[in-house]
Amino acid sequence: MIVILAIVASMAIPRFGASLARQRADAAARRIMADLDLARRHANQTSSTVTVFFDVAQNRYWLSGVPDPDRPGTDYAVELDAEPYLATIVSADFGGTLKVGFDGYGDVIGAAKSGGKVVISVGPEQRVITLDANTGRATWE
């Protein structure tokens, strides 16, 4: 009986780990997409410029000009290598820079006018978030 349980567990644990990595990668990609949309909407609603900065080395990004609801007096920031995501930013490229800006109309500005991509990974799972320069909307694959 114990041998059977050990065999079943040895088959289930890798599948559980792969499923968890997929869920975390999907959640991190959705979070980045939602925050890019938040930056675009905040810029439009406040008629100001909002810039999203990606720090690949620290696996984090922040929205300059958007207040963090959990840390008053600071910019909105997300640590992707922390729970619940445990993700790594593989790369971020917006026209050769690590940042994307939105003007008071919600339009993409600066070097990111040609769009951009953020690549994240959780274990073997990888997601590519693409920013459309014409609409300012992000999608992922």
Protein backbone atom coordinates (compact mmCIF):
# COMPACT_ATOMS: atom_id res chain seq x y z
CA MET A 1 0.00 0.00 0.00
CA ILE A 2 2.75 2.46 0.92
CA VAL A 3 4.65 1.57 -2.24
CA ILE A 4 1.57 2.37 -4.36
CA LEU A 5 1.15 5.73 -2.62
CA ALA A 6 4.81 6.53 -3.20
CA ILE A 7 4.48 5.71 -6.91
CA VAL A 8 1.35 7.84 -7.30
CA ALA A 9 2.99 10.73 -5.41
CA SER A 10 6.11 10.52 -7.56
CA MET A 11 3.95 10.96 -10.65
CA ALA A 12 1.73 13.70 -9.21
CA ILE A 13 4.34 16.02 -7.70
CA PRO A 14 6.04 17.02 -11.00
CA ARG A 15 2.66 17.63 -12.62
CA PHE A 16 1.62 19.79 -9.67
CA GLY A 17 4.84 21.79 -9.93
CA ALA A 18 4.36 22.35 -13.67
CA SER A 19 0.75 23.39 -13.12
CA LEU A 20 1.77 25.83 -10.40
CA ALA A 21 4.46 27.36 -12.66
CA ARG A 22 1.88 27.83 -15.44
CA GLN A 23 -0.56 29.49 -13.06
CA ARG A 24 2.11 31.82 -11.66
CA ALA A 25 3.36 32.78 -15.12
CA ASP A 26 -0.20 33.50 -16.28
CA ALA A 27 -0.92 35.54 -13.16
CA ALA A 28 2.29 37.58 -13.52
CA ALA A 29 1.53 38.27 -17.20
CA ARG A 30 -2.02 39.38 -16.35
CA ARG A 31 -0.65 41.62 -13.59
CA ILE A 32 1.79 43.36 -15.93
CA MET A 33 -0.95 43.83 -18.53
CA ALA A 34 -3.34 45.24 -15.92
CA ASP A 35 -0.67 47.61 -14.57
CA LEU A 36 0.24 48.89 -18.04
CA ASP A 37 -3.47 49.59 -18.53
CA LEU A 38 -3.60 51.27 -15.10
CA ALA A 39 -0.70 53.53 -16.09
CA ARG A 40 -2.40 54.45 -19.38
CA ARG A 41 -5.75 55.15 -17.71
CA HIS A 42 -4.17 57.11 -14.83
CA ALA A 43 -2.27 59.29 -17.30
CA ASN A 44 -5.48 59.96 -19.20
CA GLN A 45 -7.60 60.62 -16.11
CA THR A 46 -5.08 62.99 -14.53
CA SER A 47 -3.91 64.57 -17.81
CA SER A 48 -0.34 63.86 -16.79
CA THR A 49 2.52 61.67 -17.89
CA VAL A 50 2.91 58.26 -16.26
CA THR A 51 6.02 56.17 -16.87
CA VAL A 52 6.39 52.46 -16.15
CA PHE A 53 9.99 51.52 -15.33
CA PHE A 54 11.18 47.89 -15.46
CA ASP A 55 14.16 46.78 -13.37
CA VAL A 56 15.21 43.47 -14.89
CA ALA A 57 18.00 42.88 -12.36
CA GLN A 58 15.62 43.27 -9.40
CA ASN A 59 12.57 41.60 -11.06
CA ARG A 60 10.39 44.58 -10.33
CA TYR A 61 8.62 47.47 -11.99
CA TRP A 62 7.03 50.68 -10.82
CA LEU A 63 4.60 53.26 -12.11
CA SER A 64 6.02 56.74 -11.64
CA GLY A 65 3.26 59.17 -10.78
CA VAL A 66 0.78 56.52 -9.59
CA PRO A 67 0.49 56.34 -5.79
CA ASP A 68 0.89 52.94 -4.15
CA PRO A 69 -2.28 52.14 -2.17
CA ASP A 70 -0.28 49.99 0.30
CA ARG A 71 2.60 52.46 0.82
CA PRO A 72 1.35 56.04 0.91
CA GLY A 73 3.83 58.59 -0.38
CA THR A 74 5.55 56.14 -2.74
CA ASP A 75 5.06 55.15 -6.36
CA TYR A 76 3.08 52.01 -7.18
CA ALA A 77 5.58 49.12 -7.35
CA VAL A 78 5.39 45.38 -7.99
CA GLU A 79 8.01 42.82 -6.96
CA LEU A 80 7.53 39.94 -9.39
CA ASP A 81 9.99 37.63 -7.63
CA ALA A 82 7.86 37.68 -4.48
CA GLU A 83 4.71 35.69 -3.71
CA PRO A 84 2.38 34.96 -5.38
CA TYR A 85 4.27 35.19 -8.69
CA LEU A 86 7.86 34.09 -8.02
CA ALA A 87 8.59 35.27 -11.56
CA THR A 88 11.74 36.49 -13.25
CA ILE A 89 11.82 39.33 -15.74
CA VAL A 90 13.90 37.89 -18.57
CA SER A 91 13.84 41.09 -20.62
CA ALA A 92 11.99 44.34 -21.16
CA ASP A 93 12.42 46.40 -24.31
CA PHE A 94 10.49 49.50 -25.30
CA GLY A 95 12.35 50.99 -28.23
CA GLY A 96 15.72 50.20 -26.67
CA THR A 97 14.78 51.34 -23.15
CA LEU A 98 13.42 49.69 -20.01
CA LYS A 99 10.53 52.14 -19.70
CA VAL A 100 7.28 53.03 -21.35
CA GLY A 101 5.45 56.32 -20.92
CA PHE A 102 1.86 57.42 -21.45
CA ASP A 103 0.84 61.03 -21.97
CA GLY A 104 -2.28 62.84 -20.72
CA TYR A 105 -4.27 61.40 -23.63
CA GLY A 106 -3.23 57.85 -22.73
CA ASP A 107 -1.00 57.59 -25.80
CA VAL A 108 2.38 55.85 -25.78
CA ILE A 109 5.23 58.36 -25.80
CA GLY A 110 9.00 58.39 -26.10
CA ALA A 111 11.11 55.53 -27.41
CA ALA A 112 8.22 53.11 -26.84
CA LYS A 113 6.25 54.70 -29.71
CA SER A 114 7.20 51.58 -31.66
CA GLY A 115 5.72 49.34 -28.95
CA GLY A 116 7.56 46.94 -26.74
CA LYS A 117 7.79 43.59 -25.02
CA VAL A 118 8.33 42.19 -21.56
CA VAL A 119 9.39 38.56 -21.22
CA ILE A 120 8.88 36.81 -17.90
CA SER A 121 9.48 33.27 -16.72
CA VAL A 122 8.47 31.04 -13.86
CA GLY A 123 10.51 27.86 -13.99
CA PRO A 124 10.17 26.46 -17.51
CA GLU A 125 7.11 28.60 -18.29
CA GLN A 126 7.67 31.80 -20.24
CA ARG A 127 5.23 34.56 -21.20
CA VAL A 128 5.69 37.46 -23.59
CA ILE A 129 3.67 40.62 -22.91
CA THR A 130 3.47 42.85 -25.98
CA LEU A 131 2.50 46.51 -25.89
CA ASP A 132 0.76 47.82 -29.02
CA ALA A 133 2.06 51.35 -29.62
CA ASN A 134 -1.04 52.39 -31.57
CA THR A 135 -3.61 51.46 -28.92
CA GLY A 136 -1.47 51.43 -25.76
CA ARG A 137 -2.93 48.02 -24.94
CA ALA A 138 -0.97 44.97 -23.85
CA THR A 139 -1.53 41.34 -24.77
CA TRP A 140 0.35 38.17 -23.82
CA GLU A 141 1.20 34.86 -25.37
